[in-house]
């Protein structure tokens, strides 16, 4: 057995080097590089630093509620304006038919 290993040592070394090269290539293609990881970590920190806190969320929620109330208050006036615009359009169409 030892004699076979000594006779085929170059072949065994070649196979071992090839196997290790394949493992390194596989691991390199599977896992992210350190630079990519650091860049991603910096982006996450930047996003986290720009995130609003709970008080800002609460203020935004209150403003949205107030805007909903304002929109509901304007809705009847918009219906009145729509009816007036429809009547003006109808009047213009009737006048244009009479001119022909």
PDB file of N, CA and C in Angstrom:
ATOM      1  N   UNK A   1       0.823  -1.188   0.000  1.00  0.00           N
ATOM      2  CA  UNK A   1       0.000   0.000   0.000  1.00  0.00           C
ATOM      3  C   UNK A   1       0.873   1.260   0.000  1.00  0.00           C
ATOM      4  N   UNK A   2       1.876   1.271   0.852  1.00  0.00           N
ATOM      5  CA  UNK A   2       2.767   2.416   0.929  1.00  0.00           C
ATOM      6  C   UNK A   2       3.523   2.562  -0.379  1.00  0.00           C
ATOM      7  N   UNK A   3       3.897   1.438  -0.968  1.00  0.00           N
ATOM      8  CA  UNK A   3       4.625   1.472  -2.235  1.00  0.00           C
ATOM      9  C   UNK A   3       3.737   2.054  -3.343  1.00  0.00           C
ATOM     10  N   UNK A   4       2.451   1.702  -3.357  1.00  0.00           N
ATOM     11  CA  UNK A   4       1.510   2.238  -4.355  1.00  0.00           C
ATOM     12  C   UNK A   4       1.356   3.750  -4.193  1.00  0.00           C
ATOM     13  N   UNK A   5       1.270   4.211  -2.934  1.00  0.00           N
ATOM     14  CA  UNK A   5       1.149   5.650  -2.667  1.00  0.00           C
ATOM     15  C   UNK A   5       2.397   6.370  -3.169  1.00  0.00           C
ATOM     16  N   UNK A   6       3.567   5.818  -2.899  1.00  0.00           N
ATOM     17  CA  UNK A   6       4.801   6.465  -3.346  1.00  0.00           C
ATOM     18  C   UNK A   6       4.908   6.485  -4.862  1.00  0.00           C
ATOM     19  N   UNK A   7       4.450   5.439  -5.526  1.00  0.00           N
ATOM     20  CA  UNK A   7       4.495   5.385  -6.993  1.00  0.00           C
ATOM     21  C   UNK A   7       3.502   6.368  -7.628  1.00  0.00           C
ATOM     22  N   UNK A   8       2.400   6.589  -6.972  1.00  0.00           N
ATOM     23  CA  UNK A   8       1.339   7.454  -7.533  1.00  0.00           C
ATOM     24  C   UNK A   8       1.212   8.778  -6.780  1.00  0.00           C
ATOM     25  N   UNK A   9       2.253   9.213  -6.127  1.00  0.00           N
ATOM     26  CA  UNK A   9       2.202  10.435  -5.320  1.00  0.00           C
ATOM     27  C   UNK A   9       1.876  11.661  -6.179  1.00  0.00           C
ATOM     28  N   UNK A  10       2.402  11.745  -7.366  1.00  0.00           N
ATOM     29  CA  UNK A  10       2.119  12.891  -8.242  1.00  0.00           C
ATOM     30  C   UNK A  10       0.640  12.913  -8.628  1.00  0.00           C
ATOM     31  N   UNK A  11       0.083  11.750  -8.925  1.00  0.00           N
ATOM     32  CA  UNK A  11      -1.332  11.669  -9.294  1.00  0.00           C
ATOM     33  C   UNK A  11      -2.228  12.007  -8.106  1.00  0.00           C
ATOM     34  N   UNK A  12      -1.854  11.515  -6.926  1.00  0.00           N
ATOM     35  CA  UNK A  12      -2.637  11.804  -5.714  1.00  0.00           C
ATOM     36  C   UNK A  12      -2.577  13.302  -5.405  1.00  0.00           C
ATOM     37  N   UNK A  13      -1.417  13.909  -5.534  1.00  0.00           N
ATOM     38  CA  UNK A  13      -1.261  15.345  -5.295  1.00  0.00           C
ATOM     39  C   UNK A  13      -2.084  16.151  -6.295  1.00  0.00           C
ATOM     40  N   UNK A  14      -2.081  15.747  -7.539  1.00  0.00           N
ATOM     41  CA  UNK A  14      -2.865  16.421  -8.568  1.00  0.00           C
ATOM     42  C   UNK A  14      -4.359  16.330  -8.259  1.00  0.00           C
ATOM     43  N   UNK A  15      -4.812  15.151  -7.878  1.00  0.00           N
ATOM     44  CA  UNK A  15      -6.232  14.969  -7.551  1.00  0.00           C
ATOM     45  C   UNK A  15      -6.607  15.811  -6.328  1.00  0.00           C
ATOM     46  N   UNK A  16      -5.759  15.818  -5.311  1.00  0.00           N
ATOM     47  CA  UNK A  16      -6.022  16.579  -4.092  1.00  0.00           C
ATOM     48  C   UNK A  16      -6.066  18.084  -4.398  1.00  0.00           C
ATOM     49  N   UNK A  17      -5.144  18.569  -5.207  1.00  0.00           N
ATOM     50  CA  UNK A  17      -5.121  19.986  -5.586  1.00  0.00           C
ATOM     51  C   UNK A  17      -6.361  20.348  -6.403  1.00  0.00           C
ATOM     52  N   UNK A  18      -6.753  19.477  -7.312  1.00  0.00           N
ATOM     53  CA  UNK A  18      -7.960  19.720  -8.105  1.00  0.00           C
ATOM     54  C   UNK A  18      -9.201  19.776  -7.229  1.00  0.00           C
ATOM     55  N   UNK A  19      -9.295  18.864  -6.270  1.00  0.00           N
ATOM     56  CA  UNK A  19     -10.442  18.840  -5.362  1.00  0.00           C
ATOM     57  C   UNK A  19     -10.487  20.115  -4.524  1.00  0.00           C
ATOM     58  N   UNK A  20      -9.353  20.528  -3.978  1.00  0.00           N
ATOM     59  CA  UNK A  20      -9.318  21.757  -3.186  1.00  0.00           C
ATOM     60  C   UNK A  20      -9.646  22.979  -4.041  1.00  0.00           C
ATOM     61  N   UNK A  21      -9.182  23.015  -5.279  1.00  0.00           N
ATOM     62  CA  UNK A  21      -9.494  24.124  -6.184  1.00  0.00           C
ATOM     63  C   UNK A  21     -10.990  24.198  -6.453  1.00  0.00           C
ATOM     64  N   UNK A  22     -11.612  23.039  -6.660  1.00  0.00           N
ATOM     65  CA  UNK A  22     -13.057  23.001  -6.886  1.00  0.00           C
ATOM     66  C   UNK A  22     -13.808  23.506  -5.658  1.00  0.00           C
ATOM     67  N   UNK A  23     -13.381  23.090  -4.468  1.00  0.00           N
ATOM     68  CA  UNK A  23     -14.039  23.523  -3.230  1.00  0.00           C
ATOM     69  C   UNK A  23     -13.912  25.030  -3.070  1.00  0.00           C
ATOM     70  N   UNK A  24     -12.709  25.579  -3.317  1.00  0.00           N
ATOM     71  CA  UNK A  24     -12.507  27.022  -3.198  1.00  0.00           C
ATOM     72  C   UNK A  24     -13.367  27.762  -4.221  1.00  0.00           C
ATOM     73  N   UNK A  25     -13.412  27.286  -5.461  1.00  0.00           N
ATOM     74  CA  UNK A  25     -14.236  27.919  -6.490  1.00  0.00           C
ATOM     75  C   UNK A  25     -15.711  27.884  -6.106  1.00  0.00           C
ATOM     76  N   UNK A  26     -16.174  26.766  -5.603  1.00  0.00           N
ATOM     77  CA  UNK A  26     -17.583  26.626  -5.198  1.00  0.00           C
ATOM     78  C   UNK A  26     -17.904  27.576  -4.050  1.00  0.00           C
ATOM     79  N   UNK A  27     -17.039  27.625  -3.048  1.00  0.00           N
ATOM     80  CA  UNK A  27     -17.281  28.507  -1.916  1.00  0.00           C
ATOM     81  C   UNK A  27     -17.225  29.976  -2.326  1.00  0.00           C
ATOM     82  N   UNK A  28     -16.322  30.303  -3.227  1.00  0.00           N
ATOM     83  CA  UNK A  28     -16.218  31.692  -3.682  1.00  0.00           C
ATOM     84  C   UNK A  28     -17.457  32.116  -4.463  1.00  0.00           C
ATOM     85  N   UNK A  29     -18.015  31.209  -5.250  1.00  0.00           N
ATOM     86  CA  UNK A  29     -19.206  31.559  -6.023  1.00  0.00           C
ATOM     87  C   UNK A  29     -20.473  31.506  -5.173  1.00  0.00           C
ATOM     88  N   UNK A  30     -20.427  30.811  -4.052  1.00  0.00           N
ATOM     89  CA  UNK A  30     -21.611  30.675  -3.203  1.00  0.00           C
ATOM     90  C   UNK A  30     -21.745  31.835  -2.224  1.00  0.00           C
ATOM     91  N   UNK A  31     -20.665  32.238  -1.609  1.00  0.00           N
ATOM     92  CA  UNK A  31     -20.717  33.242  -0.555  1.00  0.00           C
ATOM     93  C   UNK A  31     -20.300  34.612  -1.083  1.00  0.00           C
ATOM     94  N   UNK A  32     -20.819  35.644  -0.427  1.00  0.00           N
ATOM     95  CA  UNK A  32     -20.518  37.016  -0.836  1.00  0.00           C
ATOM     96  C   UNK A  32     -19.099  37.397  -0.419  1.00  0.00           C
ATOM     97  N   UNK A  33     -18.531  38.294  -1.204  1.00  0.00           N
ATOM     98  CA  UNK A  33     -17.203  38.796  -0.882  1.00  0.00           C
ATOM     99  C   UNK A  33     -17.307  39.784   0.275  1.00  0.00           C
ATOM    100  N   UNK A  34     -16.230  40.000   0.959  1.00  0.00           N
ATOM    101  CA  UNK A  34     -16.215  40.899   2.105  1.00  0.00           C
ATOM    102  C   UNK A  34     -16.573  42.324   1.676  1.00  0.00           C
ATOM    103  N   UNK A  35     -16.081  42.770   0.532  1.00  0.00           N
ATOM    104  CA  UNK A  35     -16.388  44.125   0.060  1.00  0.00           C
ATOM    105  C   UNK A  35     -17.878  44.292  -0.201  1.00  0.00           C
ATOM    106  N   UNK A  36     -18.483  43.284  -0.808  1.00  0.00           N
ATOM    107  CA  UNK A  36     -19.931  43.337  -1.054  1.00  0.00           C
ATOM    108  C   UNK A  36     -20.698  43.367   0.255  1.00  0.00           C
ATOM    109  N   UNK A  37     -20.249  42.600   1.208  1.00  0.00           N
ATOM    110  CA  UNK A  37     -20.908  42.547   2.516  1.00  0.00           C
ATOM    111  C   UNK A  37     -20.794  43.901   3.225  1.00  0.00           C
ATOM    112  N   UNK A  38     -19.623  44.514   3.179  1.00  0.00           N
ATOM    113  CA  UNK A  38     -19.426  45.815   3.824  1.00  0.00           C
ATOM    114  C   UNK A  38     -20.268  46.885   3.135  1.00  0.00           C
ATOM    115  N   UNK A  39     -20.333  46.849   1.792  1.00  0.00           N
ATOM    116  CA  UNK A  39     -21.147  47.827   1.058  1.00  0.00           C
ATOM    117  C   UNK A  39     -22.619  47.679   1.415  1.00  0.00           C
ATOM    118  N   UNK A  40     -23.089  46.451   1.513  1.00  0.00           N
ATOM    119  CA  UNK A  40     -24.485  46.210   1.880  1.00  0.00           C
ATOM    120  C   UNK A  40     -24.752  46.659   3.314  1.00  0.00           C
ATOM    121  N   UNK A  41     -23.815  46.410   4.194  1.00  0.00           N
ATOM    122  CA  UNK A  41     -23.968  46.840   5.587  1.00  0.00           C
ATOM    123  C   UNK A  41     -24.043  48.358   5.676  1.00  0.00           C
ATOM    124  N   UNK A  42     -23.240  49.063   4.882  1.00  0.00           N
ATOM    125  CA  UNK A  42     -23.277  50.527   4.869  1.00  0.00           C
ATOM    126  C   UNK A  42     -24.609  51.042   4.347  1.00  0.00           C
ATOM    127  N   UNK A  43     -25.163  50.380   3.321  1.00  0.00           N
ATOM    128  CA  UNK A  43     -26.470  50.788   2.798  1.00  0.00           C
ATOM    129  C   UNK A  43     -27.568  50.594   3.837  1.00  0.00           C
ATOM    130  N   UNK A  44     -27.511  49.490   4.555  1.00  0.00           N
ATOM    131  CA  UNK A  44     -28.522  49.221   5.594  1.00  0.00           C
ATOM    132  C   UNK A  44     -28.421  50.267   6.698  1.00  0.00           C
ATOM    133  N   UNK A  45     -27.207  50.610   7.102  1.00  0.00           N
ATOM    134  CA  UNK A  45     -27.028  51.643   8.129  1.00  0.00           C
ATOM    135  C   UNK A  45     -27.573  52.975   7.660  1.00  0.00           C
ATOM    136  N   UNK A  46     -27.353  53.318   6.382  1.00  0.00           N
ATOM    137  CA  UNK A  46     -27.863  54.570   5.838  1.00  0.00           C
ATOM    138  C   UNK A  46     -29.390  54.587   5.851  1.00  0.00           C
ATOM    139  N   UNK A  47     -29.993  53.484   5.454  1.00  0.00           N
ATOM    140  CA  UNK A  47     -31.460  53.393   5.451  1.00  0.00           C
ATOM    141  C   UNK A  47     -31.998  53.484   6.869  1.00  0.00           C
ATOM    142  N   UNK A  48     -31.361  52.776   7.810  1.00  0.00           N
ATOM    143  CA  UNK A  48     -31.813  52.816   9.189  1.00  0.00           C
ATOM    144  C   UNK A  48     -31.679  54.210   9.785  1.00  0.00           C
ATOM    145  N   UNK A  49     -30.650  54.949   9.396  1.00  0.00           N
ATOM    146  CA  UNK A  49     -30.471  56.296   9.939  1.00  0.00           C
ATOM    147  C   UNK A  49     -31.521  57.263   9.409  1.00  0.00           C
ATOM    148  N   UNK A  50     -32.093  56.977   8.240  1.00  0.00           N
ATOM    149  CA  UNK A  50     -33.108  57.855   7.646  1.00  0.00           C
ATOM    150  C   UNK A  50     -34.535  57.425   7.971  1.00  0.00           C
ATOM    151  N   UNK A  51     -34.683  56.339   8.693  1.00  0.00           N
ATOM    152  CA  UNK A  51     -36.028  55.873   9.037  1.00  0.00           C
ATOM    153  C   UNK A  51     -36.640  56.779  10.102  1.00  0.00           C
ATOM    154  N   UNK A  52     -37.922  57.094   9.965  1.00  0.00           N
ATOM    155  CA  UNK A  52     -38.568  57.911  11.001  1.00  0.00           C
ATOM    156  C   UNK A  52     -38.772  57.097  12.282  1.00  0.00           C
ATOM    157  N   UNK A  53     -38.760  57.798  13.402  1.00  0.00           N
ATOM    158  CA  UNK A  53     -38.990  57.101  14.666  1.00  0.00           C
ATOM    159  C   UNK A  53     -40.487  57.021  14.942  1.00  0.00           C
ATOM    160  N   UNK A  54     -40.850  56.482  16.101  1.00  0.00           N
ATOM    161  CA  UNK A  54     -42.264  56.222  16.409  1.00  0.00           C
ATOM    162  C   UNK A  54     -43.048  57.525  16.528  1.00  0.00           C
ATOM    163  N   UNK A  55     -42.411  58.590  17.009  1.00  0.00           N
ATOM    164  CA  UNK A  55     -43.115  59.868  17.134  1.00  0.00           C
ATOM    165  C   UNK A  55     -43.432  60.458  15.760  1.00  0.00           C
ATOM    166  N   UNK A  56     -42.501  60.321  14.818  1.00  0.00           N
ATOM    167  CA  UNK A  56     -42.760  60.812  13.461  1.00  0.00           C
ATOM    168  C   UNK A  56     -43.856  60.000  12.781  1.00  0.00           C
ATOM    169  N   UNK A  57     -43.875  58.690  13.025  1.00  0.00           N
ATOM    170  CA  UNK A  57     -44.962  57.870  12.482  1.00  0.00           C
ATOM    171  C   UNK A  57     -46.303  58.307  13.050  1.00  0.00           C
ATOM    172  N   UNK A  58     -46.329  58.577  14.337  1.00  0.00           N
ATOM    173  CA  UNK A  58     -47.573  59.008  14.964  1.00  0.00           C
ATOM    174  C   UNK A  58     -48.031  60.344  14.375  1.00  0.00           C
ATOM    175  N   UNK A  59     -47.100  61.278  14.177  1.00  0.00           N
ATOM    176  CA  UNK A  59     -47.452  62.574  13.590  1.00  0.00           C
ATOM    177  C   UNK A  59     -47.981  62.400  12.163  1.00  0.00           C
ATOM    178  N   UNK A  60     -47.343  61.519  11.397  1.00  0.00           N
ATOM    179  CA  UNK A  60     -47.821  61.262  10.031  1.00  0.00           C
ATOM    180  C   UNK A  60     -49.225  60.661  10.041  1.00  0.00           C
ATOM    181  N   UNK A  61     -49.466  59.764  10.963  1.00  0.00           N
ATOM    182  CA  UNK A  61     -50.788  59.139  11.059  1.00  0.00           C
ATOM    183  C   UNK A  61     -51.848  60.189  11.375  1.00  0.00           C
ATOM    184  N   UNK A  62     -51.531  61.122  12.281  1.00  0.00           N
ATOM    185  CA  UNK A  62     -52.481  62.191  12.603  1.00  0.00           C
ATOM    186  C   UNK A  62     -52.735  63.096  11.403  1.00  0.00           C
ATOM    187  N   UNK A  63     -51.691  63.439  10.676  1.00  0.00           N
ATOM    188  CA  UNK A  63     -51.861  64.292   9.500  1.00  0.00           C
ATOM    189  C   UNK A  63     -52.710  63.604   8.432  1.00  0.00           C
ATOM    190  N   UNK A  64     -52.503  62.304   8.250  1.00  0.00           N
ATOM    191  CA  UNK A  64     -53.307  61.561   7.271  1.00  0.00           C
ATOM    192  C   UNK A  64     -54.771  61.551   7.694  1.00  0.00           C
ATOM    193  N   UNK A  65     -55.029  61.389   8.973  1.00  0.00           N
ATOM    194  CA  UNK A  65     -56.412  61.413   9.458  1.00  0.00           C
ATOM    195  C   UNK A  65     -57.049  62.774   9.209  1.00  0.00           C
ATOM    196  N   UNK A  66     -56.290  63.839   9.458  1.00  0.00           N
ATOM    197  CA  UNK A  66     -56.824  65.179   9.210  1.00  0.00           C
ATOM    198  C   UNK A  66     -57.114  65.389   7.722  1.00  0.00           C
ATOM    199  N   UNK A  67     -56.231  64.893   6.864  1.00  0.00           N
ATOM    200  CA  UNK A  67     -56.451  65.025   5.422  1.00  0.00           C
ATOM    201  C   UNK A  67     -57.691  64.262   4.975  1.00  0.00           C
ATOM    202  N   UNK A  68     -57.913  63.093   5.564  1.00  0.00           N
ATOM    203  CA  UNK A  68     -59.131  62.339   5.221  1.00  0.00           C
ATOM    204  C   UNK A  68     -60.372  63.146   5.582  1.00  0.00           C
ATOM    205  N   UNK A  69     -60.325  63.772   6.758  1.00  0.00           N
ATOM    206  CA  UNK A  69     -61.461  64.606   7.168  1.00  0.00           C
ATOM    207  C   UNK A  69     -61.660  65.776   6.227  1.00  0.00           C
ATOM    208  N   UNK A  70     -60.571  66.412   5.816  1.00  0.00           N
ATOM    209  CA  UNK A  70     -60.672  67.537   4.884  1.00  0.00           C
ATOM    210  C   UNK A  70     -61.259  67.087   3.550  1.00  0.00           C
ATOM    211  N   UNK A  71     -60.832  65.950   3.065  1.00  0.00           N
ATOM    212  CA  UNK A  71     -61.337  65.448   1.786  1.00  0.00           C
ATOM    213  C   UNK A  71     -62.826  65.136   1.884  1.00  0.00           C
ATOM    214  N   UNK A  72     -63.235  64.534   3.001  1.00  0.00           N
ATOM    215  CA  UNK A  72     -64.670  64.237   3.166  1.00  0.00           C
ATOM    216  C   UNK A  72     -65.475  65.522   3.270  1.00  0.00           C
ATOM    217  N   UNK A  73     -64.878  66.575   3.815  1.00  0.00           N
ATOM    218  CA  UNK A  73     -65.570  67.858   3.905  1.00  0.00           C
ATOM    219  C   UNK A  73     -65.693  68.537   2.551  1.00  0.00           C
ATOM    220  N   UNK A  74     -64.754  68.333   1.673  1.00  0.00           N
ATOM    221  CA  UNK A  74     -64.767  68.954   0.348  1.00  0.00           C
ATOM    222  C   UNK A  74     -65.673  68.199  -0.620  1.00  0.00           C
ATOM    223  N   UNK A  75     -65.939  66.951  -0.358  1.00  0.00           N
ATOM    224  CA  UNK A  75     -66.685  66.098  -1.288  1.00  0.00           C
ATOM    225  C   UNK A  75     -68.057  66.676  -1.670  1.00  0.00           C
ATOM    226  N   UNK A  76     -68.875  67.163  -0.738  1.00  0.00           N
ATOM    227  CA  UNK A  76     -70.170  67.737  -1.166  1.00  0.00           C
ATOM    228  C   UNK A  76     -70.005  68.954  -2.078  1.00  0.00           C
ATOM    229  N   UNK A  77     -68.990  69.787  -1.797  1.00  0.00           N
ATOM    230  CA  UNK A  77     -68.759  70.941  -2.664  1.00  0.00           C
ATOM    231  C   UNK A  77     -68.356  70.509  -4.065  1.00  0.00           C
ATOM    232  N   UNK A  78     -67.578  69.450  -4.145  1.00  0.00           N
ATOM    233  CA  UNK A  78     -67.175  68.938  -5.459  1.00  0.00           C
ATOM    234  C   UNK A  78     -68.380  68.424  -6.243  1.00  0.00           C
ATOM    235  N   UNK A  79     -69.309  67.786  -5.548  1.00  0.00           N
ATOM    236  CA  UNK A  79     -70.531  67.325  -6.236  1.00  0.00           C
ATOM    237  C   UNK A  79     -71.328  68.502  -6.776  1.00  0.00           C
ATOM    238  N   UNK A  80     -71.382  69.582  -6.014  1.00  0.00           N
ATOM    239  CA  UNK A  80     -72.091  70.776  -6.478  1.00  0.00           C
ATOM    240  C   UNK A  80     -71.399  71.359  -7.715  1.00  0.00           C
ATOM    241  N   UNK A  81     -70.087  71.427  -7.682  1.00  0.00           N
ATOM    242  CA  UNK A  81     -69.335  71.946  -8.828  1.00  0.00           C
ATOM    243  C   UNK A  81     -69.537  71.038 -10.037  1.00  0.00           C
ATOM    244  N   UNK A  82     -69.581  69.734  -9.828  1.00  0.00           N
ATOM    245  CA  UNK A  82     -69.795  68.792 -10.933  1.00  0.00           C
ATOM    246  C   UNK A  82     -71.175  69.003 -11.560  1.00  0.00           C
ATOM    247  N   UNK A  83     -72.187  69.178 -10.715  1.00  0.00           N
ATOM    248  CA  UNK A  83     -73.535  69.409 -11.245  1.00  0.00           C
ATOM    249  C   UNK A  83     -73.584  70.709 -12.044  1.00  0.00           C
ATOM    250  N   UNK A  84     -72.926  71.749 -11.534  1.00  0.00           N
ATOM    251  CA  UNK A  84     -72.901  73.033 -12.230  1.00  0.00           C
ATOM    252  C   UNK A  84     -72.178  72.900 -13.571  1.00  0.00           C
ATOM    253  N   UNK A  85     -71.063  72.187 -13.591  1.00  0.00           N
ATOM    254  CA  UNK A  85     -70.323  71.990 -14.844  1.00  0.00           C
ATOM    255  C   UNK A  85     -71.160  71.197 -15.838  1.00  0.00           C
ATOM    256  N   UNK A  86     -71.889  70.180 -15.354  1.00  0.00           N
ATOM    257  CA  UNK A  86     -72.756  69.401 -16.242  1.00  0.00           C
ATOM    258  C   UNK A  86     -73.856  70.278 -16.847  1.00  0.00           C
ATOM    259  N   UNK A  87     -74.430  71.155 -16.005  1.00  0.00           N
ATOM    260  CA  UNK A  87     -75.480  72.032 -16.527  1.00  0.00           C
ATOM    261  C   UNK A  87     -74.916  73.016 -17.561  1.00  0.00           C
ATOM    262  N   UNK A  88     -73.730  73.561 -17.312  1.00  0.00           N
ATOM    263  CA  UNK A  88     -73.118  74.481 -18.273  1.00  0.00           C
ATOM    264  C   UNK A  88     -72.799  73.770 -19.588  1.00  0.00           C
ATOM    265  N   UNK A  89     -72.308  72.544 -19.501  1.00  0.00           N
ATOM    266  CA  UNK A  89     -72.016  71.778 -20.701  1.00  0.00           C
ATOM    267  C   UNK A  89     -73.299  71.483 -21.474  1.00  0.00           C
ATOM    268  N   UNK A  90     -74.328  71.110 -20.755  1.00  0.00           N
ATOM    269  CA  UNK A  90     -75.611  70.823 -21.412  1.00  0.00           C
ATOM    270  C   UNK A  90     -76.149  72.087 -22.093  1.00  0.00           C
ATOM    271  N   UNK A  91     -76.004  73.238 -21.426  1.00  0.00           N
ATOM    272  CA  UNK A  91     -76.458  74.501 -21.999  1.00  0.00           C
ATOM    273  C   UNK A  91     -75.666  74.832 -23.262  1.00  0.00           C
ATOM    274  N   UNK A  92     -74.351  74.625 -23.218  1.00  0.00           N
ATOM    275  CA  UNK A  92     -73.540  74.881 -24.403  1.00  0.00           C
ATOM    276  C   UNK A  92     -73.920  73.958 -25.550  1.00  0.00           C
ATOM    277  N   UNK A  93     -74.194  72.697 -25.253  1.00  0.00           N
ATOM    278  CA  UNK A  93     -74.592  71.767 -26.318  1.00  0.00           C
ATOM    279  C   UNK A  93     -75.938  72.156 -26.921  1.00  0.00           C
ATOM    280  N   UNK A  94     -76.866  72.576 -26.074  1.00  0.00           N
ATOM    281  CA  UNK A  94     -78.172  73.003 -26.586  1.00  0.00           C
ATOM    282  C   UNK A  94     -78.030  74.258 -27.450  1.00  0.00           C
ATOM    283  N   UNK A  95     -77.175  75.197 -27.033  1.00  0.00           N
ATOM    284  CA  UNK A  95     -76.966  76.418 -27.823  1.00  0.00           C
ATOM    285  C   UNK A  95     -76.285  76.116 -29.146  1.00  0.00           C
ATOM    286  N   UNK A  96     -75.339  75.153 -29.138  1.00  0.00           N
ATOM    287  CA  UNK A  96     -74.650  74.831 -30.398  1.00  0.00           C
ATOM    288  C   UNK A  96     -75.593  74.122 -31.368  1.00  0.00           C
ATOM    289  N   UNK A  97     -76.585  73.370 -30.885  1.00  0.00           N
ATOM    290  CA  UNK A  97     -77.568  72.726 -31.770  1.00  0.00           C
ATOM    291  C   UNK A  97     -78.497  73.770 -32.366  1.00  0.00           C
ATOM    292  N   UNK A  98     -78.833  74.795 -31.576  1.00  0.00           N
ATOM    293  CA  UNK A  98     -79.723  75.848 -32.070  1.00  0.00           C
ATOM    294  C   UNK A  98     -79.055  76.723 -33.111  1.00  0.00           C
ATOM    295  N   UNK A  99     -77.716  76.854 -33.086  1.00  0.00           N
ATOM    296  CA  UNK A  99     -77.001  77.679 -34.054  1.00  0.00           C
ATOM    297  C   UNK A  99     -76.940  77.035 -35.434  1.00  0.00           C
ATOM    298  N   UNK A 100     -77.034  75.736 -35.505  1.00  0.00           N
ATOM    299  CA  UNK A 100     -76.927  75.042 -36.802  1.00  0.00           C
ATOM    300  C   UNK A 100     -78.165  75.119 -37.559  1.00  0.00           C
TER     301      UNK A 100
END
